[in-house]
Protein backbone atom coordinates (compact mmCIF):
# COMPACT_ATOMS: atom_id res chain seq x y z
CA MET A 1 106.53 183.94 -123.86
CA SER A 2 104.79 182.38 -121.65
CA LYS A 3 105.46 179.50 -118.88
CA GLN A 4 104.59 175.97 -119.77
CA PRO A 5 102.64 174.82 -116.34
CA SER A 6 105.00 171.64 -115.35
CA VAL A 7 103.24 168.03 -114.59
CA LYS A 8 104.22 168.93 -111.19
CA ASP A 9 102.38 172.63 -110.96
CA ALA A 10 99.43 170.63 -112.53
CA ASP A 11 99.18 167.95 -110.26
CA ARG A 12 99.48 170.96 -107.44
CA LEU A 13 96.58 172.60 -109.09
CA ASP A 14 94.73 169.38 -109.28
CA ALA A 15 95.12 168.53 -105.84
CA ALA A 16 94.20 172.07 -104.51
CA PHE A 17 90.88 172.10 -106.72
CA ASN A 18 90.11 168.47 -105.39
CA ARG A 19 90.71 169.81 -101.81
CA VAL A 20 88.17 172.97 -103.14
CA LEU A 21 85.38 170.55 -104.41
CA ALA A 22 86.01 168.40 -101.54
CA ALA A 23 85.37 171.25 -98.85
CA GLU A 24 82.75 172.26 -100.80
CA ALA A 25 80.53 168.91 -100.61
CA ALA A 26 81.28 168.42 -97.05
CA ALA A 27 80.29 171.98 -96.55
CA ARG A 28 76.93 171.19 -98.69
CA GLY A 29 76.33 167.77 -96.38
CA ARG A 30 76.74 170.05 -93.35
CA VAL A 31 74.05 172.30 -94.24
CA GLU A 32 72.01 169.65 -95.70
CA ASP A 33 72.24 168.19 -91.88
CA CYS A 34 71.34 171.84 -90.52
CA ARG A 35 68.41 171.80 -92.32
CA ARG A 36 67.32 168.27 -91.27
CA GLU A 37 67.94 169.16 -87.70
CA ALA A 38 66.11 172.48 -88.07
CA ALA A 39 63.29 170.94 -89.75
CA GLU A 40 63.06 168.27 -86.57
CA ILE A 41 63.08 170.84 -84.26
CA VAL A 42 60.24 172.87 -86.01
CA SER A 43 58.39 169.60 -86.36
CA ILE A 44 59.07 168.96 -82.24
CA ALA A 45 58.19 172.64 -81.17
CA THR A 46 55.37 172.55 -83.24
CA LEU A 47 53.96 169.40 -81.31
CA ARG A 48 54.65 170.85 -78.27
CA ALA A 49 52.97 173.92 -78.95
CA ARG A 50 50.16 172.03 -79.71
CA ALA A 51 50.06 170.39 -77.03
CA ILE A 52 50.10 172.97 -74.92
CA SER A 53 47.30 174.73 -76.91
CA GLU A 54 45.25 171.73 -76.21
CA VAL A 55 46.07 171.85 -71.96
CA THR A 56 45.47 175.69 -72.10
CA ASP A 57 42.03 175.13 -74.01
CA ARG A 58 40.93 172.39 -71.44
CA ARG A 59 41.83 174.60 -68.75
CA MET A 60 40.36 177.22 -70.01
CA VAL A 61 37.13 175.40 -70.58
CA LEU A 62 37.33 173.98 -66.75
CA ALA A 63 37.94 177.33 -65.12
CA GLY A 64 34.73 178.80 -66.87
CA ARG A 65 32.75 176.07 -65.68
CA ILE A 66 34.05 176.42 -62.44
CA ALA A 67 33.36 180.59 -62.59
CA ASP A 68 29.78 179.33 -64.01
CA ARG A 69 29.23 177.17 -61.31
CA GLY A 70 30.44 179.76 -58.73
CA VAL A 71 28.25 182.70 -60.06
CA ALA A 72 25.15 180.28 -60.00
CA ASP A 73 25.73 178.79 -57.01
CA ALA A 74 25.85 182.39 -55.76
CA MET A 75 23.08 183.62 -57.66
CA ALA A 76 20.88 180.66 -55.92
CA ARG A 77 22.20 182.13 -52.43
CA LEU A 78 21.17 185.41 -53.30
CA ASN A 79 17.76 184.22 -54.89
CA GLY A 80 17.13 182.16 -51.45
CA GLU A 81 17.93 184.87 -49.27
CA ALA A 82 15.87 187.52 -50.98
CA ARG A 83 12.94 185.09 -50.92
CA ALA A 84 13.50 184.74 -47.37
CA ARG A 85 13.83 188.21 -46.58
CA ALA A 86 10.57 188.77 -48.79
CA LEU A 87 8.56 186.01 -46.52
CA GLU A 88 10.09 187.63 -43.50
CA ARG A 89 8.69 191.05 -44.25
CA ALA A 90 5.65 189.41 -45.52
CA VAL A 91 5.06 187.90 -42.02
CA ALA A 92 5.77 190.93 -40.43
CA ALA A 93 3.47 192.94 -42.11
CA ASP A 94 0.35 190.22 -41.93
CA PRO A 95 1.31 187.77 -39.05
CA GLY A 96 -1.65 185.83 -39.99
CA ARG A 97 -0.67 185.65 -43.56
CA LEU A 98 1.60 182.56 -43.73
CA ASP A 99 -0.99 180.72 -41.39
CA ARG A 100 -3.64 181.05 -44.09
CA VAL A 101 -1.47 180.42 -47.04
CA VAL A 102 -0.52 177.29 -45.06
CA GLU A 103 -4.11 176.38 -44.31
CA ALA A 104 -4.62 176.98 -48.17
CA LEU A 105 -2.42 174.78 -49.15
CA VAL A 106 -3.20 171.81 -47.15
CA ASP A 107 -6.94 172.21 -48.09
CA GLU A 108 -5.66 172.27 -51.41
CA ILE A 109 -3.37 169.23 -51.31
CA LEU A 110 -6.16 167.10 -49.14
CA GLY A 111 -8.87 168.30 -51.30
CA VAL A 112 -11.18 170.29 -49.07
CA ALA A 113 -13.33 172.88 -50.86
CA ALA A 114 -12.41 176.21 -50.09
CA GLY A 115 -14.11 177.43 -47.14
CA GLY A 116 -15.71 174.21 -46.32
CA GLY A 117 -13.15 173.31 -43.29
């Protein structure tokens, strides 16, 4: 024959079962707290990543503009130096050429007819 549980045993079983249920409820609550905290951490990290990305994009655009300006300035200097060297070579090859070009420009600006001096 099987032994009938006593009221005392039943009370102990009920208490143990209630402790297990309470522990499970507490654990579920802690898991939910962890989920909320993780979601908040991810949200903050996403905002920070977006801010870093925006700053990086602005810096890259600025760096590109600075580089473009530097290249343009260097090209202008090179072109100016090349024109100056070409003018020096032209003058060296024909010293009177520059004088003739300047006279022609002055005549043109003043409206003097070519060859009318």
